[in-house]
Protein backbone atom coordinates (compact mmCIF):
# COMPACT_ATOMS: atom_id res chain seq x y z
CA UNK A 1 -82.52 -41.56 53.74
CA UNK A 2 -81.99 -42.73 50.26
CA UNK A 3 -79.24 -45.27 49.85
CA UNK A 4 -75.77 -44.50 48.56
CA UNK A 5 -74.76 -48.15 48.46
CA UNK A 6 -74.35 -48.04 44.66
CA UNK A 7 -71.41 -45.59 44.94
CA UNK A 8 -68.04 -47.28 44.91
CA UNK A 9 -64.64 -45.92 46.22
CA UNK A 10 -63.06 -43.54 43.71
CA UNK A 11 -59.70 -45.40 43.40
CA UNK A 12 -57.11 -45.14 40.65
CA UNK A 13 -58.45 -48.38 39.24
CA UNK A 14 -61.98 -47.04 39.18
CA UNK A 15 -60.86 -43.79 37.36
CA UNK A 16 -58.86 -45.91 34.92
CA UNK A 17 -62.04 -47.74 33.91
CA UNK A 18 -63.70 -44.38 33.33
CA UNK A 19 -60.84 -42.82 31.43
CA UNK A 20 -60.83 -45.83 29.08
CA UNK A 21 -63.87 -44.32 27.58
CA UNK A 22 -62.06 -41.09 26.88
CA UNK A 23 -58.90 -41.79 24.95
CA UNK A 24 -57.09 -38.63 23.81
CA UNK A 25 -56.57 -38.47 20.09
CA UNK A 26 -52.72 -38.13 19.59
CA UNK A 27 -51.26 -34.80 19.04
CA UNK A 28 -50.44 -33.84 15.49
CA UNK A 29 -46.99 -35.16 14.27
CA UNK A 30 -46.33 -31.49 13.35
CA UNK A 31 -45.87 -30.76 17.07
CA UNK A 32 -42.79 -32.86 17.52
CA UNK A 33 -41.38 -31.79 14.18
CA UNK A 34 -41.93 -28.10 14.86
CA UNK A 35 -40.75 -28.39 18.37
CA UNK A 36 -37.42 -29.79 17.10
CA UNK A 37 -37.07 -27.10 14.46
CA UNK A 38 -37.70 -24.40 17.10
CA UNK A 39 -35.01 -25.96 19.28
CA UNK A 40 -32.57 -25.70 16.34
CA UNK A 41 -33.43 -22.12 15.73
CA UNK A 42 -32.84 -21.23 19.39
CA UNK A 43 -29.42 -22.92 19.13
CA UNK A 44 -28.70 -20.84 16.13
CA UNK A 45 -29.55 -17.67 17.99
CA UNK A 46 -27.31 -18.52 20.89
CA UNK A 47 -24.44 -19.17 18.52
CA UNK A 48 -25.08 -15.76 16.97
CA UNK A 49 -24.69 -14.07 20.40
CA UNK A 50 -24.09 -15.90 23.76
CA UNK A 51 -27.14 -15.74 26.01
CA UNK A 52 -27.29 -13.24 28.83
CA UNK A 53 -27.68 -14.46 32.39
CA UNK A 54 -31.45 -13.94 32.13
CA UNK A 55 -31.66 -15.69 28.81
CA UNK A 56 -29.58 -18.59 30.04
CA UNK A 57 -32.01 -19.05 32.90
CA UNK A 58 -34.91 -19.07 30.54
CA UNK A 59 -33.21 -21.59 28.21
CA UNK A 60 -32.39 -23.75 31.25
CA UNK A 61 -36.10 -23.72 32.32
CA UNK A 62 -37.14 -24.63 28.80
CA UNK A 63 -34.96 -27.65 28.94
CA UNK A 64 -36.37 -29.00 32.18
CA UNK A 65 -39.25 -31.39 32.38
CA UNK A 66 -42.65 -29.69 32.82
CA UNK A 67 -44.50 -30.00 36.13
CA UNK A 68 -46.27 -33.37 36.86
CA UNK A 69 -49.64 -32.09 37.90
CA UNK A 70 -52.13 -31.39 35.14
CA UNK A 71 -53.53 -28.12 36.60
CA UNK A 72 -49.94 -26.78 37.18
CA UNK A 73 -49.22 -27.42 33.44
CA UNK A 74 -52.39 -25.58 32.56
CA UNK A 75 -51.30 -22.63 34.60
CA UNK A 76 -47.79 -22.94 32.95
CA UNK A 77 -49.21 -22.87 29.53
CA UNK A 78 -51.28 -19.83 30.50
CA UNK A 79 -48.18 -18.13 31.79
CA UNK A 80 -46.21 -18.82 28.57
CA UNK A 81 -49.07 -17.52 26.38
CA UNK A 82 -49.12 -14.27 28.49
CA UNK A 83 -45.41 -13.94 28.02
CA UNK A 84 -45.64 -14.54 24.32
CA UNK A 85 -48.55 -12.03 23.94
CA UNK A 86 -46.40 -9.52 25.87
CA UNK A 87 -43.52 -9.98 23.30
CA UNK A 88 -46.12 -9.78 20.47
CA UNK A 89 -47.15 -6.31 21.40
CA UNK A 90 -45.96 -3.86 18.80
CA UNK A 91 -44.37 -1.74 21.45
CA UNK A 92 -42.08 -4.54 22.42
CA UNK A 93 -40.92 -5.29 18.80
CA UNK A 94 -37.55 -4.22 17.53
CA UNK A 95 -37.78 -0.77 15.99
CA UNK A 96 -37.26 -2.26 12.50
CA UNK A 97 -40.45 -4.22 12.82
CA UNK A 98 -42.39 -1.18 14.12
CA UNK A 99 -41.32 0.99 11.22
CA UNK A 100 -40.48 -1.70 8.49
CA UNK A 101 -38.16 -0.43 5.70
CA UNK A 102 -37.71 -3.81 3.98
CA UNK A 103 -40.20 -6.26 2.58
CA UNK A 104 -38.89 -8.95 4.89
CA UNK A 105 -39.52 -6.76 7.92
CA UNK A 106 -43.00 -5.84 6.66
CA UNK A 107 -43.81 -9.50 6.06
CA UNK A 108 -42.74 -10.55 9.63
CA UNK A 109 -44.71 -7.64 11.13
CA UNK A 110 -47.82 -8.89 9.36
CA UNK A 111 -47.20 -12.53 10.63
CA UNK A 112 -46.73 -11.39 14.20
CA UNK A 113 -50.14 -9.57 14.08
CA UNK A 114 -51.83 -12.64 12.97
CA UNK A 115 -50.03 -14.75 15.55
CA UNK A 116 -51.16 -12.48 18.27
CA UNK A 117 -54.74 -13.20 17.37
CA UNK A 118 -54.02 -16.90 17.68
CA UNK A 119 -52.69 -16.64 21.13
CA UNK A 120 -55.46 -14.32 22.25
CA UNK A 121 -57.96 -16.93 21.23
CA UNK A 122 -56.19 -19.71 22.94
CA UNK A 123 -55.63 -17.76 26.12
CA UNK A 124 -59.35 -16.99 26.32
CA UNK A 125 -60.20 -20.73 25.87
CA UNK A 126 -57.69 -21.48 28.77
CA UNK A 127 -59.25 -18.85 31.07
CA UNK A 128 -62.81 -20.05 30.26
CA UNK A 129 -61.90 -23.68 30.96
CA UNK A 130 -60.33 -22.82 34.45
CA UNK A 131 -63.21 -20.53 35.44
CA UNK A 132 -65.87 -23.13 34.46
CA UNK A 133 -63.96 -25.94 36.11
CA UNK A 134 -63.59 -24.03 39.37
CA UNK A 135 -67.30 -23.11 39.34
CA UNK A 136 -68.15 -26.82 38.63
CA UNK A 137 -66.15 -28.08 41.63
CA UNK A 138 -67.71 -25.56 43.98
CA UNK A 139 -71.27 -25.88 42.81
CA UNK A 140 -71.01 -29.69 43.14
CA UNK A 141 -69.70 -29.36 46.69
CA UNK A 142 -72.55 -26.94 47.44
CA UNK A 143 -75.22 -29.56 46.58
CA UNK A 144 -74.25 -31.25 49.84
CA UNK A 145 -74.50 -28.28 51.90
CA UNK A 146 -77.50 -27.39 54.03
CA UNK A 147 -79.67 -25.13 51.89
CA UNK A 148 -80.07 -22.51 54.60
CA UNK A 149 -77.98 -19.75 56.02
CA UNK A 150 -75.02 -22.10 56.41
CA UNK A 151 -74.83 -22.58 52.70
CA UNK A 152 -75.02 -18.88 52.18
CA UNK A 153 -72.13 -18.35 54.61
CA UNK A 154 -70.01 -20.92 52.64
CA UNK A 155 -70.78 -19.03 49.44
CA UNK A 156 -69.92 -15.58 51.17
CA UNK A 157 -66.69 -17.00 52.46
CA UNK A 158 -65.77 -18.21 49.02
CA UNK A 159 -66.63 -14.88 47.49
CA UNK A 160 -64.61 -13.07 50.09
CA UNK A 161 -61.71 -15.39 49.73
CA UNK A 162 -61.68 -14.94 45.91
CA UNK A 163 -61.82 -11.12 46.30
CA UNK A 164 -58.81 -11.22 48.64
CA UNK A 165 -56.91 -13.32 46.26
CA UNK A 166 -57.73 -11.00 43.37
CA UNK A 167 -56.71 -7.98 45.48
CA UNK A 168 -53.43 -9.73 46.24
CA UNK A 169 -52.71 -10.21 42.45
CA UNK A 170 -53.69 -6.61 41.73
CA UNK A 171 -51.36 -5.27 44.38
CA UNK A 172 -48.47 -7.42 43.00
CA UNK A 173 -48.98 -6.00 39.50
CA UNK A 174 -49.43 -2.53 40.62
CA UNK A 175 -46.09 -2.78 42.55
CA UNK A 176 -44.34 -3.77 39.31
CA UNK A 177 -44.49 -7.58 39.58
CA UNK A 178 -43.56 -9.41 36.53
CA UNK A 179 -45.75 -12.00 34.64
CA UNK A 180 -43.64 -14.71 36.25
CA UNK A 181 -44.17 -13.26 39.64
CA UNK A 182 -47.90 -13.08 39.00
CA UNK A 183 -48.25 -16.75 37.98
CA UNK A 184 -46.12 -17.86 40.86
CA UNK A 185 -48.65 -16.30 43.15
CA UNK A 186 -51.66 -17.56 41.12
CA UNK A 187 -50.35 -21.08 41.47
CA UNK A 188 -49.75 -20.59 45.18
CA UNK A 189 -53.50 -19.53 45.48
CA UNK A 190 -54.52 -22.46 43.37
CA UNK A 191 -52.74 -24.90 45.67
CA UNK A 192 -54.48 -23.15 48.64
CA UNK A 193 -57.86 -23.95 47.04
CA UNK A 194 -56.80 -27.59 46.63
CA UNK A 195 -55.68 -27.75 50.25
CA UNK A 196 -58.97 -26.46 51.33
CA UNK A 197 -60.77 -29.08 49.30
CA UNK A 198 -58.55 -31.72 50.82
CA UNK A 199 -59.36 -30.36 54.28
CA UNK A 200 -63.13 -31.01 53.53
CA UNK A 201 -62.37 -34.61 52.99
CA UNK A 202 -60.37 -35.03 56.17
CA UNK A 203 -62.72 -32.74 58.31
CA UNK A 204 -59.84 -30.38 59.29
CA UNK A 205 -58.92 -26.76 59.09
CA UNK A 206 -61.78 -24.29 58.20
CA UNK A 207 -64.16 -27.22 57.33
CA UNK A 208 -63.69 -29.05 60.76
CA UNK A 209 -67.14 -28.02 62.05
CA UNK A 210 -68.76 -27.71 58.62
CA UNK A 211 -68.29 -31.40 57.85
CA UNK A 212 -70.72 -32.11 60.74
CA UNK A 213 -73.41 -30.37 58.69
CA UNK A 214 -72.90 -32.27 55.43
CA UNK A 215 -76.05 -34.31 55.44
CA UNK A 216 -75.43 -37.90 53.88
CA UNK A 217 -72.26 -36.93 51.94
CA UNK A 218 -71.03 -40.33 50.51
CA UNK A 219 -67.82 -41.31 52.35
CA UNK A 220 -66.25 -42.31 48.96
CA UNK A 221 -66.37 -38.70 47.88
CA UNK A 222 -64.87 -37.44 51.17
CA UNK A 223 -62.13 -40.03 50.79
CA UNK A 224 -61.42 -38.88 47.22
CA UNK A 225 -61.15 -35.18 47.95
CA UNK A 226 -58.92 -36.05 50.97
CA UNK A 227 -56.46 -37.65 48.56
CA UNK A 228 -56.80 -35.13 45.72
CA UNK A 229 -53.26 -33.59 46.18
CA UNK A 230 -51.49 -36.99 46.81
CA UNK A 231 -48.83 -37.76 44.31
CA UNK A 232 -49.85 -41.42 44.40
CA UNK A 233 -53.64 -40.89 44.84
CA UNK A 234 -56.47 -41.57 42.33
CA UNK A 235 -55.65 -38.50 40.35
CA UNK A 236 -52.35 -39.90 39.26
CA UNK A 237 -54.30 -41.99 36.71
CA UNK A 238 -55.41 -38.75 35.18
CA UNK A 239 -51.87 -37.51 35.03
CA UNK A 240 -50.61 -40.78 33.41
CA UNK A 241 -53.34 -40.75 30.77
CA UNK A 242 -53.39 -36.98 29.78
CA UNK A 243 -50.20 -35.58 31.08
CA UNK A 244 -47.81 -36.49 28.36
CA UNK A 245 -49.54 -34.59 25.48
CA UNK A 246 -49.93 -31.65 27.82
CA UNK A 247 -46.29 -31.69 28.85
CA UNK A 248 -45.36 -31.68 25.14
CA UNK A 249 -47.54 -28.65 24.58
CA UNK A 250 -46.04 -26.99 27.68
CA UNK A 251 -42.51 -27.41 26.24
CA UNK A 252 -43.57 -26.11 22.80
CA UNK A 253 -45.11 -22.92 24.27
CA UNK A 254 -41.93 -22.33 26.25
CA UNK A 255 -39.75 -22.72 23.23
CA UNK A 256 -41.73 -20.19 21.25
CA UNK A 257 -41.36 -17.72 24.04
CA UNK A 258 -37.57 -18.48 24.32
CA UNK A 259 -37.23 -17.93 20.59
CA UNK A 260 -39.00 -14.61 20.45
CA UNK A 261 -37.13 -13.40 23.46
CA UNK A 262 -33.75 -14.19 21.98
CA UNK A 263 -34.80 -12.91 18.56
CA UNK A 264 -35.77 -9.54 19.81
CA UNK A 265 -32.34 -9.01 21.45
CA UNK A 266 -30.47 -10.08 18.26
CA UNK A 267 -32.65 -8.56 15.52
CA UNK A 268 -29.98 -5.97 14.56
CA UNK A 269 -27.66 -8.74 13.42
CA UNK A 270 -30.01 -11.72 12.75
CA UNK A 271 -32.80 -11.52 10.30
CA UNK A 272 -35.24 -14.42 9.65
CA UNK A 273 -35.35 -15.81 6.08
CA UNK A 274 -38.59 -16.75 4.48
CA UNK A 275 -38.37 -20.42 5.62
CA UNK A 276 -37.69 -19.37 9.25
CA UNK A 277 -40.65 -16.94 9.26
CA UNK A 278 -42.88 -19.76 7.99
CA UNK A 279 -41.52 -22.07 10.75
CA UNK A 280 -42.37 -19.49 13.45
CA UNK A 281 -45.80 -19.04 11.95
CA UNK A 282 -46.56 -22.71 11.69
CA UNK A 283 -45.28 -23.47 15.17
CA UNK A 284 -47.50 -20.81 16.76
CA UNK A 285 -50.53 -21.95 14.72
CA UNK A 286 -50.07 -25.60 15.41
CA UNK A 287 -49.45 -24.96 19.16
CA UNK A 288 -52.60 -22.76 19.70
CA UNK A 289 -54.80 -25.21 17.66
CA UNK A 290 -53.56 -28.24 19.37
CA UNK A 291 -53.80 -26.61 22.82
CA UNK A 292 -57.38 -25.53 22.20
CA UNK A 293 -58.17 -29.08 21.06
CA UNK A 294 -56.67 -30.49 24.34
CA UNK A 295 -58.64 -27.92 26.52
CA UNK A 296 -61.89 -28.83 24.78
CA UNK A 297 -61.23 -32.52 25.29
CA UNK A 298 -60.18 -32.34 28.92
CA UNK A 299 -63.05 -30.10 29.67
CA UNK A 300 -65.39 -32.70 28.52
CA UNK A 301 -63.61 -35.36 30.49
CA UNK A 302 -63.68 -33.27 33.64
CA UNK A 303 -67.42 -32.39 33.25
CA UNK A 304 -68.45 -36.02 33.09
CA UNK A 305 -65.92 -37.25 35.76
CA UNK A 306 -67.34 -39.59 38.54
CA UNK A 307 -65.91 -37.24 41.19
CA UNK A 308 -68.36 -34.43 40.07
CA UNK A 309 -71.38 -36.14 41.40
CA UNK A 310 -74.15 -34.02 42.90
CA UNK A 311 -76.20 -34.88 45.91
CA UNK A 312 -79.16 -35.49 43.61
CA UNK A 313 -77.14 -38.02 41.56
CA UNK A 314 -75.98 -39.66 44.84
CA UNK A 315 -79.57 -40.15 45.81
CA UNK A 316 -79.48 -38.14 48.88
CA UNK A 317 -81.07 -34.86 47.94
CA UNK A 318 -84.36 -35.73 49.59
CA UNK A 319 -82.72 -36.34 52.96
CA UNK A 320 -80.93 -33.10 52.87
CA UNK A 321 -84.10 -31.12 51.96
CA UNK A 322 -85.96 -32.78 54.85
CA UNK A 323 -83.29 -31.67 57.38
CA UNK A 324 -84.98 -30.07 60.49
CA UNK A 325 -83.72 -27.69 63.01
CA UNK A 326 -82.97 -28.99 66.43
CA UNK A 327 -85.10 -28.02 69.43
CA UNK A 328 -83.28 -27.15 72.67
CA UNK A 329 -84.98 -26.34 76.01
CA UNK A 330 -83.31 -23.87 78.22
CA UNK A 331 -84.54 -23.84 81.76
CA UNK A 332 -85.37 -20.65 83.55
CA UNK A 333 -82.30 -19.01 85.05
CA UNK A 334 -79.98 -21.06 82.91
CA UNK A 335 -77.82 -20.52 79.85
CA UNK A 336 -77.12 -22.66 76.73
CA UNK A 337 -73.57 -22.34 75.28
CA UNK A 338 -72.06 -23.51 71.98
CA UNK A 339 -68.28 -23.45 71.63
CA UNK A 340 -66.64 -23.31 68.25
CA UNK A 341 -62.89 -23.84 67.85
CA UNK A 342 -61.81 -21.83 64.74
CA UNK A 343 -58.45 -22.80 63.28
CA UNK A 344 -57.99 -19.83 60.84
CA UNK A 345 -58.81 -16.26 60.61
CA UNK A 346 -61.41 -14.95 58.03
CA UNK A 347 -63.65 -17.96 58.87
CA UNK A 348 -67.50 -17.39 59.19
CA UNK A 349 -69.51 -18.13 62.18
CA UNK A 350 -73.24 -18.01 61.69
CA UNK A 351 -76.44 -18.63 63.75
CA UNK A 352 -80.22 -18.93 63.08
CA UNK A 353 -82.54 -19.33 66.01
CA UNK A 354 -86.15 -18.42 67.11
CA UNK A 355 -88.38 -18.99 70.06
CA UNK A 356 -91.44 -21.11 69.99
CA UNK A 357 -94.05 -18.53 71.06
CA UNK A 358 -97.22 -19.09 73.04
CA UNK A 359 -99.91 -16.68 74.21
CA UNK A 360 -97.20 -14.67 76.00
CA UNK A 361 -94.40 -13.20 73.82
CA UNK A 362 -90.97 -14.46 75.03
CA UNK A 363 -87.38 -13.48 74.27
CA UNK A 364 -83.95 -14.54 75.34
CA UNK A 365 -80.52 -12.92 75.80
CA UNK A 366 -77.94 -13.80 73.12
CA UNK A 367 -74.26 -12.86 72.82
CA UNK A 368 -70.97 -13.98 71.22
CA UNK A 369 -67.57 -13.95 72.88
CA UNK A 370 -63.90 -14.80 71.92
CA UNK A 371 -61.78 -16.70 74.50
CA UNK A 372 -58.05 -16.45 74.03
CA UNK A 373 -55.57 -19.24 74.86
CA UNK A 374 -54.96 -17.51 78.17
CA UNK A 375 -58.67 -17.51 79.01
CA UNK A 376 -59.20 -13.83 78.43
CA UNK A 377 -62.64 -13.06 76.98
CA UNK A 378 -63.46 -10.50 74.42
CA UNK A 379 -67.01 -9.61 73.58
CA UNK A 380 -67.74 -9.97 69.85
CA UNK A 381 -71.48 -9.50 69.81
CA UNK A 382 -73.03 -7.52 72.86
CA UNK A 383 -75.75 -8.99 74.83
CA UNK A 384 -79.25 -8.32 73.56
CA UNK A 385 -82.56 -9.94 73.76
CA UNK A 386 -84.27 -11.55 70.84
CA UNK A 387 -87.40 -13.36 69.84
CA UNK A 388 -85.50 -14.59 66.84
CA UNK A 389 -82.18 -13.80 65.10
CA UNK A 390 -80.04 -14.74 62.20
CA UNK A 391 -76.51 -13.44 61.63
CA UNK A 392 -72.99 -14.05 61.02
CA UNK A 393 -69.51 -12.56 61.21
CA UNK A 394 -65.99 -13.16 59.85
CA UNK A 395 -63.44 -14.10 62.51
CA UNK A 396 -60.40 -11.86 63.05
CA UNK A 397 -58.25 -14.51 64.57
CA UNK A 398 -58.24 -18.23 65.32
CA UNK A 399 -59.32 -19.67 68.67
CA UNK A 400 -62.38 -20.45 70.65
CA UNK A 401 -65.72 -18.66 70.10
CA UNK A 402 -68.59 -19.03 72.32
CA UNK A 403 -72.24 -18.43 71.47
CA UNK A 404 -74.44 -17.97 74.62
CA UNK A 405 -78.20 -17.89 74.99
CA UNK A 406 -79.14 -16.47 78.44
CA UNK A 407 -82.52 -17.39 79.92
CA UNK A 408 -81.81 -15.72 83.25
CA UNK A 409 -84.88 -13.32 82.99
CA UNK A 410 -87.44 -15.82 81.60
CA UNK A 411 -89.51 -18.42 83.38
CA UNK A 412 -89.49 -21.07 80.63
CA UNK A 413 -88.97 -21.27 76.97
CA UNK A 414 -87.92 -23.52 74.12
CA UNK A 415 -85.21 -22.45 71.72
CA UNK A 416 -85.22 -23.89 68.22
CA UNK A 417 -81.87 -23.74 66.49
């Protein structure tokens, strides 16, 4: 096996030395100036008419500190952009803007249409970043997986899991869920992905058996993913370096949303003057351009991060490719059993075996059963005889599953699994 001695533990100090190569150019001074001006406008609108209970809750949220995690802030920005785009739909505008009768209303209508384009572009950049980053993590992990039916099962399980997550979101939206409800669910799903990644490092949960098949995975990588959700783990260095500018952008997006929400409810009695229109336009343009710049920067940082190291780069690709099946001899009249303890439903169990044939064709009985906590057995795959077979199924419940090869009717054979 190739040596992995050159890999060092991925500690916070190690990441700090890496991030020193990627300093983030400071946000434009316009961000703080415009954020302050937007706060003044929001206060002016609340003086015009006291906020409703819903508006007060939104203002309170805007005044809170943003979340600490980088990815949670990313989702929060995406949520705020969706809320802003919802407010920028002409059907959501005050009637005076949908059917402008004054030059001021016509001018603001034109500004709003241009701002929608800016937010559409920024949202597309956000979604692209999240999609590519998720694929990069999964594809990196997959380089360590056995490149046979087991790797295929892992891909199938991920695809099934993502389909189920999307169906859950679709059902929520169809039932009248709000944008806020949707993003609360999306963040919950994201944390579930992170927990599964952490389970990989600690060899627990759905990955408990799988880790046994990870040929030559450097322990430093397993240690890193085990700590990926820890508040004081190595990723804290990333939050300290790149969190502050992102937190500022999160608050700015929230302020723009709050301003539009309040304005639409007071448009009958509060009209923006030319200076205020320009302020709204400039704030939206600066926010979207700075956010896109941050996303492009952090995407480059993530793509080159030392925790995105493939099996090839770790020097263990050859050892994985040379992995061989194990040969088991099952004596005549005997059985060979493999028990798998599954800790969650919708896990995949798979097998691939064949008999070493001689002059006489030989087969073997094979079946799969589930054993409950009380010892009751349920047949999952009925007994049949095979010369070779490859298959899999998704578990309906957690518990003990047993794969049984039965050589009761053969005189002698070797099973290769």
